[in-house]
Amino acid sequence: MKLEEIGFYSLSDERARNISPTSPMWRCEMILTDRCNFSCPYCRGLRKDCLGDIGLDRATMVLNTWIKDGLKNVRFSGGEPTLYPYLSDLVKICKDGNVENIAVSSNGSANWSVYENLINNGVNDFSISLDACCSSFADRMTGVEGYFDKIVDNIKKISAQMYMTVGIVLTKDNVKTIQDIIKFVHDLGVSDIRIISSAQYNHLLKEVKSIEKDILNAHPILKYRVDNINNGINVRGLTKKDCNKCYLLQDDSVACGKYHFPCVIYMREGGDPIGEVGPNMRKERIEFFKKFNSFEDKICRNNCLDCIVQMHNKIREVRGDF
């Protein structure tokens, strides 16, 4: 399978062939705030030294550093990024910096005017979380009441205008209803569906094996994940046969607070940062890459996502680096 066929636009055979310490920054993510109006039971929150909002000056400096290095794709997340007061300003910086894909990951609870404003300022990719297909169970999965209809309405409106994915986090509480959730989300007209087991659950999601073919064929990321599961490949985790080098450190970055981390999952699982954000971020990441063995790190070994594992394996194959 070509990486382009998975559906994640930041993963490609071209990137695998050309990734290097001097290639353009392909994908970067900025955590804007730890604040959130939901209380999802599986959410770990952020490290204590990353709590609060990232300052506008710091966020601007980081973005300009990435853009100067040819940034292609950026994602803003949190917490809930729509609670961050300067999100539109940062989106404008990326738009003016010719960033191709500007993404926001949201819980979908903001007023429509917030999303409309972000679209008008340059956001062309939204990912919204929806872990249930009825209001009562959605209230349980979000830890708050009364947002389900609003989230669904926002998903419909965004899907009618642009690339829109829904992320479904699976736990022991909702995994048995996954087929119903996927069917419900599919009928909302979304571009794709991302299923992932929570880090606490982290099981092979066998419940997805009999999803209708028409639904799978409409959503390449969902199909990729279900095909993997049918072949015994978990969404999370490395095996001994997989590449143990994290090549994405060379052209990828994650900023949270005053630090930059190996990846967003590493950050969310409480891993240590590589260093402080600043003009030397990329150099520090390259040095970290040279000495880092992902299979020997418990967070990576247990949590690296299937698509990232395949990306690393493809790079190893291209380079003959075994």
Protein backbone atom coordinates (compact mmCIF):
# COMPACT_ATOMS: atom_id res chain seq x y z
CA MET A 1 0.00 0.00 0.00
CA LYS A 2 1.17 3.49 -0.82
CA LEU A 3 1.13 5.85 2.14
CA GLU A 4 -1.12 8.23 0.17
CA GLU A 5 -3.83 5.57 0.16
CA ILE A 6 -4.22 5.67 3.94
CA GLY A 7 -5.94 9.04 3.94
CA PHE A 8 -3.63 10.98 6.25
CA TYR A 9 -2.47 13.76 3.94
CA SER A 10 0.69 14.40 5.98
CA LEU A 11 1.92 10.85 5.25
CA SER A 12 3.19 10.12 1.75
CA ASP A 13 5.75 8.12 -0.16
CA GLU A 14 7.25 11.42 -1.26
CA ARG A 15 7.83 12.41 2.34
CA ALA A 16 9.31 8.99 3.07
CA ARG A 17 11.78 9.35 0.19
CA ASN A 18 12.85 12.90 0.99
CA ILE A 19 12.69 13.28 4.76
CA SER A 20 15.92 14.77 6.10
CA PRO A 21 17.26 17.39 8.52
CA THR A 22 16.87 19.99 5.74
CA SER A 23 13.53 19.00 4.18
CA PRO A 24 10.53 21.30 4.76
CA MET A 25 8.75 20.98 8.11
CA TRP A 26 5.98 18.64 7.02
CA ARG A 27 3.60 18.62 9.96
CA CYS A 28 3.57 20.49 13.26
CA GLU A 29 1.07 20.63 16.11
CA MET A 30 0.59 23.35 18.71
CA ILE A 31 -1.20 22.73 22.00
CA LEU A 32 -2.83 26.07 22.77
CA THR A 33 -4.38 25.49 26.18
CA ASP A 34 -5.16 22.89 28.80
CA ARG A 35 -8.60 24.41 29.35
CA CYS A 36 -11.62 22.40 28.26
CA ASN A 37 -15.34 22.58 28.93
CA PHE A 38 -15.61 18.77 28.76
CA SER A 39 -14.41 16.15 31.22
CA CYS A 40 -13.92 13.05 29.07
CA PRO A 41 -13.12 10.04 31.29
CA TYR A 42 -10.16 8.89 29.19
CA CYS A 43 -8.46 12.30 28.92
CA ARG A 44 -5.17 12.54 30.82
CA GLY A 45 -4.87 16.30 30.53
CA LEU A 46 -1.45 17.95 30.23
CA ARG A 47 1.71 17.84 32.31
CA LYS A 48 1.76 20.26 35.25
CA ASP A 49 4.54 22.28 33.64
CA CYS A 50 2.42 22.73 30.50
CA LEU A 51 -0.80 23.96 32.11
CA GLY A 52 -2.38 27.24 31.09
CA ASP A 53 -2.50 29.03 27.73
CA ILE A 54 0.54 29.36 25.50
CA GLY A 55 1.35 33.05 25.30
CA LEU A 56 0.61 34.80 22.01
CA ASP A 57 4.21 36.00 21.65
CA ARG A 58 5.56 32.50 22.19
CA ALA A 59 3.01 30.91 19.88
CA THR A 60 3.80 33.46 17.17
CA MET A 61 7.54 32.87 17.54
CA VAL A 62 7.10 29.10 17.22
CA LEU A 63 4.85 29.39 14.18
CA ASN A 64 7.22 31.80 12.44
CA THR A 65 10.12 29.42 13.15
CA TRP A 66 8.21 26.54 11.55
CA ILE A 67 7.03 28.67 8.63
CA LYS A 68 10.57 29.87 7.96
CA ASP A 69 11.44 26.19 7.63
CA GLY A 70 8.76 25.57 4.99
CA LEU A 71 5.85 24.42 7.17
CA LYS A 72 3.30 22.49 5.09
CA ASN A 73 0.69 21.27 7.59
CA VAL A 74 -0.24 22.58 11.04
CA ARG A 75 -2.77 21.50 13.66
CA PHE A 76 -4.05 23.46 16.64
CA SER A 77 -5.39 21.47 19.58
CA GLY A 78 -5.65 21.52 23.37
CA GLY A 79 -7.55 21.22 25.70
CA GLU A 80 -10.24 22.81 23.64
CA PRO A 81 -8.54 25.20 21.20
CA THR A 82 -11.67 27.29 20.55
CA LEU A 83 -11.36 28.52 24.17
CA TYR A 84 -7.98 30.07 23.30
CA PRO A 85 -8.55 33.79 22.63
CA TYR A 86 -5.95 34.17 19.86
CA LEU A 87 -6.72 31.11 17.73
CA SER A 88 -7.90 33.18 14.76
CA ASP A 89 -4.73 35.30 14.93
CA LEU A 90 -2.56 32.19 14.73
CA VAL A 91 -4.63 30.83 11.85
CA LYS A 92 -4.06 34.11 9.97
CA ILE A 93 -0.30 33.83 10.53
CA CYS A 94 -0.35 30.37 8.97
CA LYS A 95 -2.53 31.51 6.09
CA ASP A 96 -0.21 34.44 5.39
CA GLY A 97 2.75 32.04 5.67
CA ASN A 98 1.35 29.84 2.86
CA VAL A 99 0.79 26.81 5.07
CA GLU A 100 -1.16 24.39 2.88
CA ASN A 101 -3.32 22.66 5.48
CA ILE A 102 -4.46 24.44 8.64
CA ALA A 103 -6.29 22.08 10.97
CA VAL A 104 -8.14 22.45 14.25
CA SER A 105 -9.05 19.59 16.60
CA SER A 106 -12.14 20.50 18.61
CA ASN A 107 -14.79 18.88 20.77
CA GLY A 108 -17.39 20.55 18.55
CA SER A 109 -19.13 22.46 21.35
CA ALA A 110 -18.41 26.06 20.26
CA ASN A 111 -21.04 28.25 18.66
CA TRP A 112 -21.23 27.94 14.88
CA SER A 113 -20.01 31.52 14.51
CA VAL A 114 -16.66 30.46 16.03
CA TYR A 115 -16.11 27.74 13.43
CA GLU A 116 -17.38 29.98 10.64
CA ASN A 117 -14.86 32.66 11.64
CA LEU A 118 -12.03 30.11 11.65
CA ILE A 119 -13.04 28.90 8.20
CA ASN A 120 -13.09 32.47 6.90
CA ASN A 121 -9.61 33.07 8.32
CA GLY A 122 -8.07 30.00 6.67
CA VAL A 123 -8.84 26.74 8.50
CA ASN A 124 -9.42 24.03 5.89
CA ASP A 125 -9.44 20.89 8.08
CA PHE A 126 -11.46 20.16 11.19
CA SER A 127 -11.40 17.11 13.42
CA ILE A 128 -14.21 16.82 15.95
CA SER A 129 -14.56 14.17 18.63
CA LEU A 130 -17.78 12.18 18.95
CA ASP A 131 -17.70 9.04 21.06
CA ALA A 132 -21.39 8.13 21.07
CA CYS A 133 -24.44 8.14 18.80
CA CYS A 134 -27.11 9.28 21.25
CA SER A 135 -27.32 12.23 23.62
CA SER A 136 -27.52 10.30 26.89
CA PHE A 137 -24.39 8.26 26.18
CA ALA A 138 -22.61 11.31 24.73
CA ASP A 139 -23.20 13.12 28.03
CA ARG A 140 -21.50 10.22 29.78
CA MET A 141 -18.51 10.21 27.41
CA THR A 142 -17.99 13.99 27.60
CA GLY A 143 -18.66 14.33 31.33
CA VAL A 144 -21.13 17.18 30.70
CA GLU A 145 -24.75 17.40 29.62
CA GLY A 146 -26.60 18.93 26.73
CA TYR A 147 -24.02 19.34 23.93
CA PHE A 148 -24.80 16.38 21.66
CA ASP A 149 -27.22 18.11 19.26
CA LYS A 150 -24.93 21.13 18.96
CA ILE A 151 -21.90 18.96 18.15
CA VAL A 152 -23.85 17.01 15.52
CA ASP A 153 -25.11 20.22 13.93
CA ASN A 154 -21.59 21.67 13.76
CA ILE A 155 -20.26 18.46 12.20
CA LYS A 156 -22.94 18.60 9.50
CA LYS A 157 -22.26 22.26 8.70
CA ILE A 158 -18.48 21.88 8.54
CA SER A 159 -18.71 18.67 6.50
CA ALA A 160 -20.76 20.50 3.89
CA GLN A 161 -17.90 22.97 3.36
CA MET A 162 -14.56 21.19 3.73
CA TYR A 163 -12.46 18.25 4.84
CA MET A 164 -13.92 17.09 8.11
CA THR A 165 -13.02 14.01 10.16
CA VAL A 166 -14.62 12.66 13.29
CA GLY A 167 -12.45 11.02 15.91
CA ILE A 168 -13.98 8.21 17.96
CA VAL A 169 -12.06 7.24 21.09
CA LEU A 170 -12.98 3.76 22.24
CA THR A 171 -13.04 2.53 25.82
CA LYS A 172 -14.59 -0.43 27.59
CA ASP A 173 -17.72 1.70 27.98
CA ASN A 174 -18.50 2.44 24.33
CA VAL A 175 -16.61 -0.18 22.29
CA LYS A 176 -19.65 -2.48 22.03
CA THR A 177 -21.61 0.29 20.30
CA ILE A 178 -18.84 1.16 17.81
CA GLN A 179 -20.74 -0.07 14.74
CA ASP A 180 -23.72 2.11 15.63
CA ILE A 181 -21.45 5.13 16.23
CA ILE A 182 -19.65 4.67 12.91
CA LYS A 183 -22.95 4.33 11.01
CA PHE A 184 -24.29 7.46 12.71
CA VAL A 185 -21.14 9.48 11.94
CA HIS A 186 -21.03 8.24 8.35
CA ASP A 187 -24.58 9.52 7.81
CA LEU A 188 -23.48 13.02 8.89
CA GLY A 189 -21.52 13.35 5.63
CA VAL A 190 -18.01 13.47 7.08
CA SER A 191 -14.87 13.03 4.96
CA ASP A 192 -13.36 10.35 7.17
CA ILE A 193 -13.62 8.57 10.51
CA ARG A 194 -10.69 7.97 12.87
CA ILE A 195 -11.17 5.22 15.43
CA ILE A 196 -8.60 4.82 18.19
CA SER A 197 -8.52 2.94 21.45
CA SER A 198 -7.83 5.06 24.51
CA ALA A 199 -4.36 4.57 25.99
CA GLN A 200 -5.96 3.03 29.08
CA TYR A 201 -7.95 0.52 27.00
CA ASN A 202 -5.53 -0.25 24.13
CA HIS A 203 -7.10 -3.47 22.84
CA LEU A 204 -7.42 -4.87 19.34
CA LEU A 205 -10.81 -3.49 18.30
CA LYS A 206 -12.38 -6.69 17.01
CA GLU A 207 -15.85 -5.13 17.23
CA VAL A 208 -15.22 -3.25 13.95
CA LYS A 209 -14.62 -6.31 11.80
CA SER A 210 -18.09 -6.49 10.25
CA ILE A 211 -18.62 -2.83 9.32
CA GLU A 212 -20.46 -2.41 6.02
CA LYS A 213 -18.18 -2.30 2.96
CA ASP A 214 -19.91 0.79 1.56
CA ILE A 215 -19.02 2.70 4.73
CA LEU A 216 -15.43 1.47 4.68
CA ASN A 217 -14.96 2.37 1.04
CA ALA A 218 -16.18 5.92 1.72
CA HIS A 219 -13.55 6.56 4.40
CA PRO A 220 -9.92 5.60 3.66
CA ILE A 221 -8.62 6.14 7.22
CA LEU A 222 -11.40 4.01 8.68
CA LYS A 223 -10.82 1.31 6.06
CA TYR A 224 -7.08 1.36 6.75
CA ARG A 225 -7.66 0.86 10.47
CA VAL A 226 -10.25 -1.88 10.01
CA ASP A 227 -8.02 -3.70 7.50
CA ASN A 228 -5.19 -3.55 10.02
CA ILE A 229 -7.41 -4.92 12.77
CA ASN A 230 -8.56 -7.74 10.49
CA ASN A 231 -4.87 -8.56 10.01
CA GLY A 232 -4.22 -8.56 13.77
CA ILE A 233 -2.52 -5.14 13.83
CA ASN A 234 -3.49 -2.94 16.78
CA VAL A 235 -4.04 0.80 16.38
CA ARG A 236 -1.37 1.37 19.02
CA GLY A 237 2.04 -0.18 19.53
CA LEU A 238 5.30 -1.37 17.99
CA THR A 239 6.48 -4.91 17.38
CA LYS A 240 10.07 -6.11 17.22
CA LYS A 241 9.90 -6.29 13.42
CA ASP A 242 8.97 -2.60 13.13
CA CYS A 243 11.43 0.23 12.62
CA ASN A 244 12.81 1.47 15.94
CA LYS A 245 13.88 4.89 14.66
CA CYS A 246 11.53 7.89 14.81
CA TYR A 247 12.36 9.54 11.48
CA LEU A 248 9.49 12.02 11.87
CA LEU A 249 11.57 13.86 14.43
CA GLN A 250 13.42 15.31 11.45
CA ASP A 251 10.52 17.22 9.88
CA ASP A 252 7.75 17.20 12.49
CA SER A 253 7.30 19.08 15.76
CA VAL A 254 4.92 19.46 18.71
CA ALA A 255 4.89 22.56 20.91
CA CYS A 256 3.14 22.68 24.27
CA GLY A 257 3.73 25.49 26.74
CA LYS A 258 7.40 26.41 26.61
CA TYR A 259 8.52 22.95 25.45
CA HIS A 260 8.69 20.84 22.30
CA PHE A 261 8.07 17.10 22.49
CA PRO A 262 8.87 14.06 20.28
CA CYS A 263 5.20 13.76 19.25
CA VAL A 264 1.76 14.63 20.53
CA ILE A 265 1.10 11.15 21.93
CA TYR A 266 4.44 11.22 23.76
CA MET A 267 3.42 14.53 25.29
CA ARG A 268 -0.06 13.35 26.25
CA GLU A 269 1.32 10.22 27.89
CA GLY A 270 3.51 12.32 30.18
CA GLY A 271 6.83 11.90 28.38
CA ASP A 272 9.62 14.39 28.86
CA PRO A 273 10.16 17.22 26.39
CA ILE A 274 13.17 17.39 24.08
CA GLY A 275 13.81 21.00 25.02
CA GLU A 276 12.36 24.50 25.13
CA VAL A 277 10.76 26.06 22.07
CA GLY A 278 12.98 28.45 20.18
CA PRO A 279 15.16 28.84 17.09
CA ASN A 280 17.16 25.68 17.89
CA MET A 281 14.17 23.33 18.04
CA ARG A 282 14.93 21.49 14.83
CA LYS A 283 18.61 21.04 15.64
CA GLU A 284 17.67 19.64 19.05
CA ARG A 285 15.18 17.25 17.44
CA ILE A 286 17.80 15.96 15.00
CA GLU A 287 20.23 15.29 17.83
CA PHE A 288 17.48 13.52 19.78
CA PHE A 289 16.65 11.41 16.71
CA LYS A 290 20.22 10.19 16.38
CA LYS A 291 20.28 8.60 19.84
CA PHE A 292 16.62 7.65 20.34
CA ASN A 293 15.43 4.03 20.09
CA SER A 294 11.63 4.07 20.03
CA PHE A 295 11.26 0.36 20.81
CA GLU A 296 13.21 0.80 24.03
CA ASP A 297 10.88 3.60 25.15
CA LYS A 298 7.74 2.33 26.90
CA ILE A 299 5.50 5.16 25.65
CA CYS A 300 6.46 4.60 22.02
CA ARG A 301 6.46 0.82 22.25
CA ASN A 302 2.91 0.77 23.64
CA ASN A 303 1.34 3.77 21.91
CA CYS A 304 2.90 4.60 18.52
CA LEU A 305 0.03 4.71 16.02
CA ASP A 306 -0.27 2.21 13.17
CA CYS A 307 0.02 4.87 10.45
CA ILE A 308 3.19 6.30 11.99
CA VAL A 309 4.66 2.82 12.35
CA GLN A 310 3.97 2.20 8.65
CA MET A 311 5.54 5.55 7.77
CA HIS A 312 8.72 4.65 9.66
CA ASN A 313 8.79 1.20 8.09
CA LYS A 314 8.41 2.77 4.62
CA ILE A 315 11.32 5.16 5.28
CA ARG A 316 13.45 2.25 6.44
CA GLU A 317 12.51 0.33 3.31
CA VAL A 318 13.32 3.27 1.03
CA ARG A 319 16.69 3.80 2.70
CA GLY A 320 17.58 0.16 3.18
CA ASP A 321 18.30 1.04 6.78
CA PHE A 322 17.82 -2.27 8.60
